[in-house]
Amino acid sequence: MKPVYPGMTIQVRFTVREKVDQEKRTPEDVAKGIVKFLVDVFDETGETVAIATILTMVRKLDQN
């Protein structure tokens, strides 16, 4: 959205937007899900320089 130059300070904010369970395909499969993050990147003036969405597959703590 806006260029960032060497030496500039940026801040990144991750916000969880959605969590989606995935079914086990087999009994031996690991319980997992998809976490959708909104990523906001700000420059030193607080102006937004980038926005992104990241999808991450994660292992669930409860494996039942």
N, C-alpha and C. Protein backbone atom coordinates (compact mmCIF):
# COMPACT_ATOMS: atom_id res chain seq x y z
N MET A 1 0.81 -1.19 0.00
CA MET A 1 0.00 0.00 0.00
C MET A 1 0.86 1.26 0.00
N LYS A 2 2.01 1.16 0.68
CA LYS A 2 2.91 2.31 0.77
C LYS A 2 4.33 1.77 0.93
N PRO A 3 5.32 2.40 0.28
CA PRO A 3 6.69 1.88 0.41
C PRO A 3 7.25 2.04 1.82
N VAL A 4 8.12 1.11 2.18
CA VAL A 4 8.87 1.16 3.44
C VAL A 4 10.34 1.16 3.05
N TYR A 5 11.11 2.09 3.61
CA TYR A 5 12.51 2.25 3.23
C TYR A 5 13.45 1.75 4.32
N PRO A 6 14.68 1.40 3.95
CA PRO A 6 15.64 0.93 4.96
C PRO A 6 15.79 1.97 6.08
N GLY A 7 15.85 1.45 7.30
CA GLY A 7 16.01 2.32 8.45
C GLY A 7 14.69 2.72 9.10
N MET A 8 13.56 2.49 8.40
CA MET A 8 12.26 2.82 8.97
C MET A 8 11.88 1.78 10.02
N THR A 9 11.10 2.20 10.99
CA THR A 9 10.59 1.31 12.02
C THR A 9 9.17 0.92 11.63
N ILE A 10 8.87 -0.38 11.71
CA ILE A 10 7.51 -0.84 11.43
C ILE A 10 6.99 -1.63 12.62
N GLN A 11 5.67 -1.72 12.71
CA GLN A 11 5.01 -2.54 13.71
C GLN A 11 4.05 -3.47 12.97
N VAL A 12 3.90 -4.68 13.51
CA VAL A 12 3.01 -5.66 12.90
C VAL A 12 2.01 -6.12 13.95
N ARG A 13 0.74 -6.17 13.55
CA ARG A 13 -0.31 -6.63 14.45
C ARG A 13 -1.02 -7.82 13.79
N PHE A 14 -1.03 -8.96 14.49
CA PHE A 14 -1.72 -10.16 14.04
C PHE A 14 -3.04 -10.25 14.79
N THR A 15 -4.12 -10.49 14.08
CA THR A 15 -5.43 -10.67 14.69
C THR A 15 -6.02 -11.97 14.17
N VAL A 16 -6.42 -12.85 15.07
CA VAL A 16 -7.06 -14.10 14.65
C VAL A 16 -8.46 -13.76 14.17
N ARG A 17 -8.76 -14.10 12.93
CA ARG A 17 -10.06 -13.81 12.34
C ARG A 17 -10.99 -15.02 12.31
N GLU A 18 -10.38 -16.20 12.20
CA GLU A 18 -11.22 -17.40 12.08
C GLU A 18 -10.42 -18.64 12.44
N LYS A 19 -11.08 -19.61 13.06
CA LYS A 19 -10.48 -20.91 13.33
C LYS A 19 -11.42 -21.97 12.75
N VAL A 20 -10.86 -22.88 11.97
CA VAL A 20 -11.66 -23.90 11.30
C VAL A 20 -11.10 -25.27 11.66
N ASP A 21 -11.94 -26.13 12.25
CA ASP A 21 -11.52 -27.49 12.57
C ASP A 21 -11.40 -28.32 11.30
N GLN A 22 -10.46 -29.23 11.29
CA GLN A 22 -10.31 -30.18 10.19
C GLN A 22 -10.58 -31.56 10.76
N GLU A 23 -11.32 -32.36 10.03
CA GLU A 23 -11.61 -33.72 10.49
C GLU A 23 -10.42 -34.63 10.29
N LYS A 24 -10.29 -35.60 11.19
CA LYS A 24 -9.25 -36.62 11.04
C LYS A 24 -9.64 -37.53 9.88
N ARG A 25 -8.72 -37.83 9.01
CA ARG A 25 -8.99 -38.73 7.88
C ARG A 25 -8.90 -40.19 8.30
N THR A 26 -8.00 -40.45 9.25
CA THR A 26 -7.85 -41.80 9.80
C THR A 26 -7.71 -41.68 11.31
N PRO A 27 -7.93 -42.77 12.05
CA PRO A 27 -7.78 -42.70 13.51
C PRO A 27 -6.36 -42.32 13.95
N GLU A 28 -5.36 -42.60 13.12
CA GLU A 28 -3.97 -42.28 13.46
C GLU A 28 -3.61 -40.83 13.12
N ASP A 29 -4.48 -40.15 12.38
CA ASP A 29 -4.22 -38.78 11.95
C ASP A 29 -4.16 -37.85 13.17
N VAL A 30 -3.43 -36.77 13.04
CA VAL A 30 -3.30 -35.75 14.09
C VAL A 30 -4.48 -34.79 14.00
N ALA A 31 -5.09 -34.47 15.16
CA ALA A 31 -6.16 -33.48 15.18
C ALA A 31 -5.55 -32.11 14.88
N LYS A 32 -6.15 -31.40 13.92
CA LYS A 32 -5.58 -30.13 13.48
C LYS A 32 -6.68 -29.18 13.03
N GLY A 33 -6.29 -27.97 12.74
CA GLY A 33 -7.23 -26.97 12.25
C GLY A 33 -6.48 -25.87 11.52
N ILE A 34 -7.25 -24.98 10.91
CA ILE A 34 -6.69 -23.84 10.18
C ILE A 34 -7.00 -22.57 10.98
N VAL A 35 -5.99 -21.73 11.17
CA VAL A 35 -6.17 -20.42 11.82
C VAL A 35 -5.92 -19.35 10.76
N LYS A 36 -6.89 -18.45 10.61
CA LYS A 36 -6.78 -17.36 9.64
C LYS A 36 -6.45 -16.08 10.39
N PHE A 37 -5.28 -15.50 10.08
CA PHE A 37 -4.82 -14.26 10.72
C PHE A 37 -4.96 -13.08 9.76
N LEU A 38 -5.39 -11.95 10.29
CA LEU A 38 -5.29 -10.68 9.57
C LEU A 38 -4.00 -10.03 10.04
N VAL A 39 -3.16 -9.59 9.12
CA VAL A 39 -1.88 -8.98 9.45
C VAL A 39 -1.90 -7.52 8.99
N ASP A 40 -1.71 -6.61 9.95
CA ASP A 40 -1.63 -5.18 9.65
C ASP A 40 -0.20 -4.73 9.92
N VAL A 41 0.39 -4.02 8.96
CA VAL A 41 1.75 -3.49 9.10
C VAL A 41 1.67 -1.97 9.08
N PHE A 42 2.26 -1.33 10.10
CA PHE A 42 2.22 0.13 10.24
C PHE A 42 3.63 0.69 10.22
N ASP A 43 3.79 1.89 9.67
CA ASP A 43 5.11 2.55 9.71
C ASP A 43 5.22 3.38 10.99
N GLU A 44 6.31 4.11 11.12
CA GLU A 44 6.58 4.86 12.35
C GLU A 44 5.60 6.01 12.59
N THR A 45 4.85 6.41 11.57
CA THR A 45 3.84 7.46 11.75
C THR A 45 2.47 6.88 12.09
N GLY A 46 2.37 5.53 12.11
CA GLY A 46 1.10 4.88 12.39
C GLY A 46 0.25 4.62 11.16
N GLU A 47 0.80 4.96 10.00
CA GLU A 47 0.07 4.76 8.75
C GLU A 47 0.21 3.31 8.27
N THR A 48 -0.88 2.76 7.77
CA THR A 48 -0.86 1.38 7.27
C THR A 48 -0.03 1.31 5.99
N VAL A 49 0.94 0.37 5.98
CA VAL A 49 1.77 0.19 4.79
C VAL A 49 1.50 -1.14 4.10
N ALA A 50 0.86 -2.08 4.82
CA ALA A 50 0.54 -3.38 4.21
C ALA A 50 -0.55 -4.07 5.02
N ILE A 51 -1.36 -4.84 4.31
CA ILE A 51 -2.38 -5.69 4.93
C ILE A 51 -2.29 -7.04 4.26
N ALA A 52 -2.37 -8.10 5.06
CA ALA A 52 -2.28 -9.45 4.50
C ALA A 52 -3.14 -10.41 5.30
N THR A 53 -3.40 -11.55 4.71
CA THR A 53 -4.08 -12.64 5.40
C THR A 53 -3.16 -13.84 5.35
N ILE A 54 -2.97 -14.48 6.50
CA ILE A 54 -2.12 -15.67 6.58
C ILE A 54 -2.97 -16.83 7.08
N LEU A 55 -2.88 -17.96 6.39
CA LEU A 55 -3.54 -19.19 6.82
C LEU A 55 -2.48 -20.12 7.37
N THR A 56 -2.70 -20.64 8.58
CA THR A 56 -1.73 -21.51 9.22
C THR A 56 -2.42 -22.78 9.70
N MET A 57 -1.85 -23.94 9.36
CA MET A 57 -2.36 -25.19 9.88
C MET A 57 -1.68 -25.46 11.22
N VAL A 58 -2.49 -25.74 12.24
CA VAL A 58 -1.95 -25.95 13.59
C VAL A 58 -2.45 -27.27 14.17
N ARG A 59 -1.63 -27.85 15.01
CA ARG A 59 -2.00 -29.07 15.74
C ARG A 59 -2.83 -28.67 16.93
N LYS A 60 -3.94 -29.35 17.15
CA LYS A 60 -4.79 -29.06 18.29
C LYS A 60 -4.18 -29.64 19.56
N LEU A 61 -4.37 -28.94 20.68
CA LEU A 61 -3.86 -29.43 21.96
C LEU A 61 -4.60 -30.71 22.37
N ASP A 62 -5.92 -30.71 22.20
CA ASP A 62 -6.74 -31.88 22.56
C ASP A 62 -6.77 -32.82 21.37
N GLN A 63 -6.13 -33.95 21.48
CA GLN A 63 -6.04 -34.91 20.38
C GLN A 63 -7.14 -35.96 20.41
N ASN A 64 -8.20 -35.74 21.18
CA ASN A 64 -9.33 -36.70 21.23
C ASN A 64 -10.25 -36.53 20.06
